[in-house]
Amino acid sequence: MIVNGKHYRTVWFEDGMVKMINQHLIPHRFDVAGFRTYRETADAITDMVVRGAGAIGAAAGYAMAQGMLEAPDDMFKEGIREAAEYIRKARPTAQDLFYAVELVLDAAREKNPPEARAAAARTAETIANDNAEACKSIGVLGADLIKSGYRIGTHCNAGWLAFVDWGSALSPIYAAKRQGKEVFVWVDETRPRCQGARLTAWELGQEGIPHAIIADNAAGHYIRRGEMDMFIVGADRIAANGDVVNKIGTYEKAVLCKENGVPFYVAAPTSTIDRKCPDGDSVPIEERDCDEVLSMFGWDGHRMETVRIAPQESQARNPGFDVTPARYVKGIITERGIIEASEKGIAGLQEKT
């Protein structure tokens, strides 16, 4: 990611701190936040200072390494067990978080504390590097699906900011532009936290890609009129049968695309696939604070402000994700190839490892 002429990753480890781009402030300010303890880093995941499947995974890996650095030698196993439990609770839906925690734990298993700490740090860095490389490959493979002149729909943010670099759903778009193809992106606002309007639009602007922000409930209008040639989204977890769990509102876009003959693709690294999860209905769906629905927030020119938009006596429900059944997905773009969204497709990908 290039910001003001400088390359950034979304999350990285430096000088004993986990550093990350503070996504609360974008698009109005660009700032880097730093966290010295695993609890601070895990809380940043919960509070969505960092968000997006791959970025959450990388941050969780770094947090787990921090937990091992903090654990005293005489209570090392107890300390890392406590850290792992705390980090796992940060976000319940994103598969990459659990994947990263387990990888770091596995790397440190059966080692003495100094060796375990070194192995944890190496593994956390490998998770971040692998995520960036996987997303770059997703871009190269996915760009073959994009013809010059395509108008592409997307939902939420599955770009640079959702991963260590490049992104998943936006990576093919970035690659297509670098190949000289003309592309236009319809950007769903993605209520209630508006990750599309705030983050995806900012990224596309940095990259110089033409786009328009639309209200979430306007997507069907443009799909029916034939003004979208394809739709690409990311994923927070993909089940063994090909069901996709992604930001709330994804399911309805997939149904609309199917009804109108628009190919609907999911882009995700293989770390997002949970082969132990049989289907989407087995995935815990995070319910977030209802105030996110009852209020709106924005930049008043000096700071972020929140204002109530609903009656004071009203309550709300706020699921963070929904399940898109595999039958609505044209294909899953991974770093190892574009596969069918099915048990057979997932199993075939496993055979390639």
Protein backbone atom coordinates (compact mmCIF):
# COMPACT_ATOMS: atom_id res chain seq x y z
CA MET A 1 0.00 0.00 0.00
CA ILE A 2 1.38 3.39 -1.02
CA VAL A 3 0.28 6.33 1.12
CA ASN A 4 1.77 9.74 0.42
CA GLY A 5 4.55 8.09 -1.57
CA LYS A 6 5.54 5.62 1.17
CA HIS A 7 4.88 1.89 1.32
CA TYR A 8 2.94 0.62 4.34
CA ARG A 9 1.64 -2.70 5.49
CA THR A 10 -1.61 -2.71 7.42
CA VAL A 11 0.00 -4.31 10.49
CA TRP A 12 3.63 -5.01 11.41
CA PHE A 13 6.00 -5.57 14.36
CA GLU A 14 8.61 -2.91 15.18
CA ASP A 15 10.64 -2.01 18.28
CA GLY A 16 8.74 -4.41 20.50
CA MET A 17 5.37 -3.04 19.43
CA VAL A 18 2.60 -4.22 17.14
CA LYS A 19 1.94 -1.29 14.84
CA MET A 20 -1.09 -0.88 12.64
CA ILE A 21 -2.83 1.69 10.52
CA ASN A 22 -5.60 3.15 12.67
CA GLN A 23 -8.69 2.40 10.60
CA HIS A 24 -10.97 4.41 12.89
CA LEU A 25 -9.54 7.60 11.40
CA ILE A 26 -9.57 6.81 7.68
CA PRO A 27 -10.43 8.51 5.34
CA HIS A 28 -10.09 11.76 7.27
CA ARG A 29 -6.71 11.15 8.88
CA PHE A 30 -3.86 8.71 8.38
CA ASP A 31 -2.20 7.63 11.59
CA VAL A 32 -0.25 4.63 12.91
CA ALA A 33 -1.13 3.16 16.33
CA GLY A 34 1.23 1.05 18.43
CA PHE A 35 0.55 -1.57 21.10
CA ARG A 36 3.10 -3.03 23.53
CA THR A 37 1.17 -5.93 25.12
CA TYR A 38 -0.88 -8.81 23.80
CA ARG A 39 -3.93 -7.49 25.62
CA GLU A 40 -3.59 -4.08 23.97
CA THR A 41 -3.22 -5.70 20.55
CA ALA A 42 -6.18 -8.04 21.10
CA ASP A 43 -8.29 -5.10 22.29
CA ALA A 44 -7.34 -3.23 19.11
CA ILE A 45 -8.74 -6.19 17.14
CA THR A 46 -11.96 -6.13 19.19
CA ASP A 47 -12.31 -2.36 18.83
CA MET A 48 -11.65 -2.59 15.07
CA VAL A 49 -8.60 -0.36 15.03
CA VAL A 50 -7.56 -3.18 12.70
CA ARG A 51 -10.20 -5.24 10.87
CA GLY A 52 -10.48 -7.53 7.88
CA ALA A 53 -9.74 -11.25 7.79
CA GLY A 54 -6.04 -11.28 6.94
CA ALA A 55 -5.13 -8.20 8.96
CA ILE A 56 -6.90 -9.67 12.00
CA GLY A 57 -4.95 -12.90 11.50
CA ALA A 58 -1.59 -11.14 11.28
CA ALA A 59 -2.38 -8.98 14.32
CA ALA A 60 -3.43 -12.08 16.27
CA GLY A 61 -0.17 -13.82 15.36
CA TYR A 62 1.83 -10.85 16.57
CA ALA A 63 -0.31 -10.66 19.73
CA MET A 64 0.40 -14.33 20.43
CA ALA A 65 4.14 -13.66 20.03
CA GLN A 66 3.77 -10.75 22.46
CA GLY A 67 2.05 -13.08 24.90
CA MET A 68 5.07 -15.38 24.87
CA LEU A 69 7.43 -12.47 25.37
CA GLU A 70 5.41 -11.37 28.39
CA ALA A 71 4.97 -14.81 29.98
CA PRO A 72 7.48 -15.35 32.88
CA ASP A 73 9.75 -18.39 32.63
CA ASP A 74 8.41 -19.96 35.82
CA MET A 75 4.80 -19.77 34.59
CA PHE A 76 5.38 -19.89 30.87
CA LYS A 77 2.75 -22.47 29.89
CA GLU A 78 0.10 -20.83 32.05
CA GLY A 79 0.98 -17.41 30.63
CA ILE A 80 0.71 -18.40 26.98
CA ARG A 81 -2.50 -20.35 27.64
CA GLU A 82 -4.02 -17.22 29.17
CA ALA A 83 -2.84 -15.11 26.22
CA ALA A 84 -4.27 -17.54 23.66
CA GLU A 85 -7.66 -17.56 25.39
CA TYR A 86 -7.76 -13.77 25.54
CA ILE A 87 -6.80 -13.33 21.87
CA ARG A 88 -9.29 -15.96 20.64
CA LYS A 89 -12.10 -13.94 22.24
CA ALA A 90 -11.18 -10.77 20.32
CA ARG A 91 -13.41 -11.60 17.32
CA PRO A 92 -15.41 -14.85 17.13
CA THR A 93 -16.06 -15.15 13.38
CA ALA A 94 -12.81 -14.53 11.49
CA GLN A 95 -11.06 -17.85 10.76
CA ASP A 96 -7.65 -16.21 10.18
CA LEU A 97 -7.48 -15.18 13.83
CA PHE A 98 -7.77 -18.77 15.08
CA TYR A 99 -5.45 -20.00 12.31
CA ALA A 100 -2.72 -17.56 13.39
CA VAL A 101 -3.02 -18.31 17.11
CA GLU A 102 -2.72 -22.06 16.49
CA LEU A 103 0.25 -21.68 14.15
CA VAL A 104 2.20 -19.63 16.69
CA LEU A 105 1.31 -22.06 19.49
CA ASP A 106 2.39 -25.03 17.35
CA ALA A 107 5.72 -23.38 16.55
CA ALA A 108 6.48 -22.92 20.23
CA ARG A 109 5.30 -26.32 21.46
CA GLU A 110 7.83 -28.50 23.29
CA LYS A 111 10.43 -25.69 23.39
CA ASN A 112 11.94 -23.95 26.38
CA PRO A 113 10.87 -20.32 26.92
CA PRO A 114 13.74 -18.58 25.03
CA GLU A 115 13.40 -20.94 22.05
CA ALA A 116 9.61 -20.66 22.11
CA ARG A 117 9.73 -16.86 22.07
CA ALA A 118 12.10 -16.84 19.09
CA ALA A 119 9.98 -19.40 17.22
CA ALA A 120 6.80 -17.42 17.95
CA ALA A 121 8.29 -14.19 16.60
CA ARG A 122 9.48 -15.93 13.42
CA THR A 123 6.14 -17.62 12.88
CA ALA A 124 4.14 -14.43 13.39
CA GLU A 125 6.30 -12.68 10.80
CA THR A 126 5.86 -15.61 8.42
CA ILE A 127 2.07 -15.44 8.79
CA ALA A 128 2.15 -11.76 7.82
CA ASN A 129 4.49 -12.33 4.87
CA ASP A 130 2.49 -15.31 3.63
CA ASN A 131 -0.69 -13.26 3.78
CA ALA A 132 0.80 -10.48 1.68
CA GLU A 133 2.16 -12.93 -0.91
CA ALA A 134 -1.11 -14.88 -1.06
CA CYS A 135 -3.08 -11.71 -1.71
CA LYS A 136 -0.68 -10.65 -4.44
CA SER A 137 -1.20 -14.03 -6.14
CA ILE A 138 -4.98 -13.68 -5.76
CA GLY A 139 -4.69 -10.42 -7.67
CA VAL A 140 -2.74 -11.96 -10.55
CA LEU A 141 -5.11 -14.92 -10.88
CA GLY A 142 -8.27 -12.90 -10.40
CA ALA A 143 -7.28 -10.25 -12.93
CA ASP A 144 -7.77 -12.85 -15.70
CA LEU A 145 -11.51 -12.71 -14.96
CA ILE A 146 -11.66 -8.95 -15.54
CA LYS A 147 -12.06 -7.49 -19.02
CA SER A 148 -11.20 -3.91 -19.82
CA GLY A 149 -14.26 -1.75 -19.30
CA TYR A 150 -15.74 -3.95 -16.56
CA ARG A 151 -17.93 -2.39 -13.92
CA ILE A 152 -17.35 -4.32 -10.71
CA GLY A 153 -19.42 -4.38 -7.52
CA THR A 154 -17.92 -4.97 -4.09
CA HIS A 155 -19.13 -4.96 -0.50
CA CYS A 156 -17.36 -3.87 2.71
CA ASN A 157 -13.56 -3.59 2.52
CA ALA A 158 -11.45 -6.50 1.35
CA GLY A 159 -8.51 -4.48 0.13
CA TRP A 160 -5.12 -3.39 1.49
CA LEU A 161 -6.60 -2.46 4.83
CA ALA A 162 -8.26 -5.84 5.37
CA PHE A 163 -5.05 -7.80 4.83
CA VAL A 164 -1.35 -7.25 5.35
CA ASP A 165 -1.07 -5.93 1.79
CA TRP A 166 -2.92 -6.03 -1.56
CA GLY A 167 -6.18 -7.40 -0.19
CA SER A 168 -8.44 -10.13 -1.55
CA ALA A 169 -11.49 -8.77 -3.38
CA LEU A 170 -9.71 -5.59 -4.48
CA SER A 171 -6.42 -7.28 -5.39
CA PRO A 172 -7.66 -8.48 -8.82
CA ILE A 173 -8.91 -4.95 -9.49
CA TYR A 174 -5.53 -3.44 -8.60
CA ALA A 175 -3.76 -6.03 -10.75
CA ALA A 176 -6.11 -5.42 -13.69
CA LYS A 177 -5.42 -1.69 -13.51
CA ARG A 178 -1.66 -2.33 -13.49
CA GLN A 179 -2.18 -4.42 -16.62
CA GLY A 180 -3.68 -1.38 -18.33
CA LYS A 181 -7.33 -2.44 -18.13
CA GLU A 182 -10.02 0.15 -17.53
CA VAL A 183 -12.16 -0.68 -14.52
CA PHE A 184 -14.93 1.01 -12.56
CA VAL A 185 -16.01 -0.03 -9.07
CA TRP A 186 -19.41 0.25 -7.42
CA VAL A 187 -18.69 0.65 -3.69
CA ASP A 188 -21.41 -0.45 -1.26
CA GLU A 189 -21.38 1.91 1.74
CA THR A 190 -21.65 -1.12 4.10
CA ARG A 191 -23.72 0.07 7.02
CA PRO A 192 -23.49 0.28 9.93
CA ARG A 193 -19.72 0.92 10.12
CA CYS A 194 -19.48 2.10 6.49
CA GLN A 195 -16.25 0.26 5.65
CA GLY A 196 -17.04 0.60 1.96
CA ALA A 197 -17.67 4.34 2.03
CA ARG A 198 -14.78 5.03 4.38
CA LEU A 199 -12.09 2.47 3.55
CA THR A 200 -12.67 0.95 0.10
CA ALA A 201 -13.38 4.33 -1.48
CA TRP A 202 -10.23 5.77 0.14
CA GLU A 203 -8.12 2.90 -1.17
CA LEU A 204 -9.50 3.19 -4.69
CA GLY A 205 -8.84 6.93 -4.61
CA GLN A 206 -5.23 6.32 -3.57
CA GLU A 207 -4.91 3.93 -6.51
CA GLY A 208 -6.63 6.31 -8.97
CA ILE A 209 -9.44 3.88 -9.82
CA PRO A 210 -12.80 5.41 -10.85
CA HIS A 211 -15.59 4.48 -8.45
CA ALA A 212 -18.93 5.52 -7.00
CA ILE A 213 -20.22 4.97 -3.47
CA ILE A 214 -23.79 3.69 -3.35
CA ALA A 215 -26.19 2.98 -0.51
CA ASP A 216 -26.33 -0.72 0.32
CA ASN A 217 -29.93 -0.99 -0.87
CA ALA A 218 -29.08 0.59 -4.25
CA ALA A 219 -26.96 -2.33 -5.46
CA GLY A 220 -29.94 -4.31 -6.73
CA HIS A 221 -31.02 -1.34 -8.86
CA TYR A 222 -27.71 -1.27 -10.74
CA ILE A 223 -27.45 -5.06 -10.95
CA ARG A 224 -30.93 -5.36 -12.53
CA ARG A 225 -30.18 -2.58 -15.02
CA GLY A 226 -27.11 -4.45 -16.25
CA GLU A 227 -24.64 -1.88 -14.90
CA MET A 228 -22.50 -4.43 -13.05
CA ASP A 229 -20.46 -6.96 -15.00
CA MET A 230 -19.28 -8.92 -11.98
CA PHE A 231 -19.21 -8.79 -8.19
CA ILE A 232 -16.23 -9.64 -5.97
CA VAL A 233 -16.26 -9.86 -2.17
CA GLY A 234 -13.91 -11.15 0.49
CA ALA A 235 -14.63 -13.66 3.25
CA ASP A 236 -14.12 -13.96 6.97
CA ARG A 237 -14.57 -17.73 6.92
CA ILE A 238 -15.27 -20.31 4.23
CA ALA A 239 -16.76 -23.64 5.32
CA ALA A 240 -15.79 -27.07 3.99
CA ASN A 241 -18.87 -27.17 1.75
CA GLY A 242 -18.08 -23.80 0.14
CA ASP A 243 -20.51 -21.65 2.14
CA VAL A 244 -19.10 -18.17 2.70
CA VAL A 245 -19.35 -16.06 5.84
CA ASN A 246 -18.71 -12.39 5.12
CA LYS A 247 -19.82 -8.93 6.15
CA ILE A 248 -23.56 -8.55 6.72
CA GLY A 249 -25.26 -7.72 3.41
CA THR A 250 -23.15 -10.09 1.31
CA TYR A 251 -25.89 -12.73 1.07
CA GLU A 252 -28.45 -10.40 -0.47
CA LYS A 253 -25.94 -9.21 -3.10
CA ALA A 254 -25.17 -12.82 -4.04
CA VAL A 255 -28.87 -13.64 -4.45
CA LEU A 256 -29.41 -10.56 -6.62
CA CYS A 257 -26.41 -11.44 -8.78
CA LYS A 258 -27.67 -15.02 -9.26
CA GLU A 259 -31.14 -13.81 -10.19
CA ASN A 260 -29.73 -11.39 -12.79
CA GLY A 261 -26.95 -13.53 -14.25
CA VAL A 262 -24.05 -11.53 -12.79
CA PRO A 263 -21.07 -13.70 -11.75
CA PHE A 264 -20.45 -13.44 -8.00
CA TYR A 265 -16.90 -14.29 -6.90
CA VAL A 266 -15.33 -14.61 -3.48
CA ALA A 267 -11.61 -13.85 -3.09
CA ALA A 268 -9.78 -15.25 -0.08
CA PRO A 269 -6.45 -16.84 0.86
CA THR A 270 -6.59 -20.51 1.83
CA SER A 271 -5.99 -19.55 5.47
CA THR A 272 -9.62 -18.33 5.50
CA ILE A 273 -10.95 -21.82 4.69
CA ASP A 274 -12.04 -23.74 7.77
CA ARG A 275 -12.05 -27.40 6.72
CA LYS A 276 -13.25 -28.43 10.18
CA CYS A 277 -16.41 -26.38 9.75
CA PRO A 278 -19.04 -28.36 7.78
CA ASP A 279 -21.20 -25.44 6.63
CA GLY A 280 -21.91 -21.77 7.09
CA ASP A 281 -24.62 -22.31 9.68
CA SER A 282 -21.98 -23.82 11.99
CA VAL A 283 -20.06 -20.53 12.17
CA PRO A 284 -20.71 -18.25 15.17
CA ILE A 285 -22.05 -14.93 13.91
CA GLU A 286 -20.80 -11.96 15.89
CA GLU A 287 -23.47 -9.60 17.23
CA ARG A 288 -22.05 -6.15 17.69
CA ASP A 289 -23.20 -3.20 19.80
CA CYS A 290 -26.65 -2.01 18.75
CA ASP A 291 -25.48 1.61 19.05
CA GLU A 292 -23.67 1.12 15.73
CA VAL A 293 -27.13 0.86 14.10
CA LEU A 294 -28.89 3.47 16.21
CA SER A 295 -26.22 6.13 15.58
CA MET A 296 -24.06 7.53 12.79
CA PHE A 297 -20.54 8.83 13.09
CA GLY A 298 -18.40 11.14 11.01
CA TRP A 299 -15.77 13.85 10.85
CA ASP A 300 -16.90 17.32 11.91
CA GLY A 301 -13.75 18.96 10.59
CA HIS A 302 -11.85 18.59 13.83
CA ARG A 303 -12.67 15.16 15.30
CA MET A 304 -14.87 12.09 14.92
CA GLU A 305 -18.37 12.64 16.31
CA THR A 306 -21.29 10.25 16.88
CA VAL A 307 -24.93 11.35 16.63
CA ARG A 308 -28.11 9.42 17.45
CA ILE A 309 -30.41 8.90 14.44
CA ALA A 310 -33.07 6.61 15.97
CA PRO A 311 -35.69 7.24 18.68
CA GLN A 312 -34.23 7.05 22.17
CA GLU A 313 -36.57 4.22 23.14
CA SER A 314 -35.73 2.06 20.10
CA GLN A 315 -33.51 -0.98 20.27
CA ALA A 316 -31.67 -2.71 17.41
CA ARG A 317 -30.01 -5.93 16.27
CA ASN A 318 -26.57 -5.77 14.73
CA PRO A 319 -25.20 -9.02 13.24
CA GLY A 320 -21.72 -8.40 11.88
CA PHE A 321 -21.81 -11.15 9.25
CA ASP A 322 -24.12 -13.36 7.22
CA VAL A 323 -23.88 -16.69 5.39
CA THR A 324 -23.90 -16.93 1.60
CA PRO A 325 -24.69 -20.52 0.54
CA ALA A 326 -22.19 -21.98 -1.90
CA ARG A 327 -24.78 -22.27 -4.70
CA TYR A 328 -24.70 -18.49 -5.16
CA VAL A 329 -20.91 -18.31 -5.60
CA LYS A 330 -19.47 -18.55 -9.12
CA GLY A 331 -15.98 -19.35 -7.81
CA ILE A 332 -13.50 -18.77 -5.02
CA ILE A 333 -10.30 -16.98 -6.02
CA THR A 334 -7.42 -18.28 -3.89
CA GLU A 335 -3.66 -17.94 -4.17
CA ARG A 336 -3.57 -21.52 -5.51
CA GLY A 337 -6.17 -21.08 -8.19
CA ILE A 338 -9.85 -20.36 -8.79
CA ILE A 339 -11.92 -23.20 -7.40
CA GLU A 340 -15.54 -24.26 -7.31
CA ALA A 341 -17.44 -23.25 -4.18
CA SER A 342 -18.26 -26.79 -3.12
CA GLU A 343 -17.06 -29.63 -0.94
CA LYS A 344 -15.35 -31.08 -4.01
CA GLY A 345 -13.64 -27.79 -4.80
CA ILE A 346 -12.40 -27.32 -1.23
CA ALA A 347 -11.21 -30.93 -1.01
CA GLY A 348 -9.35 -30.61 -4.33
CA LEU A 349 -7.56 -27.54 -3.03
CA GLN A 350 -6.47 -29.50 0.03
CA GLU A 351 -4.98 -32.19 -2.22
CA LYS A 352 -2.74 -29.57 -3.84
CA THR A 353 -1.02 -28.71 -0.56
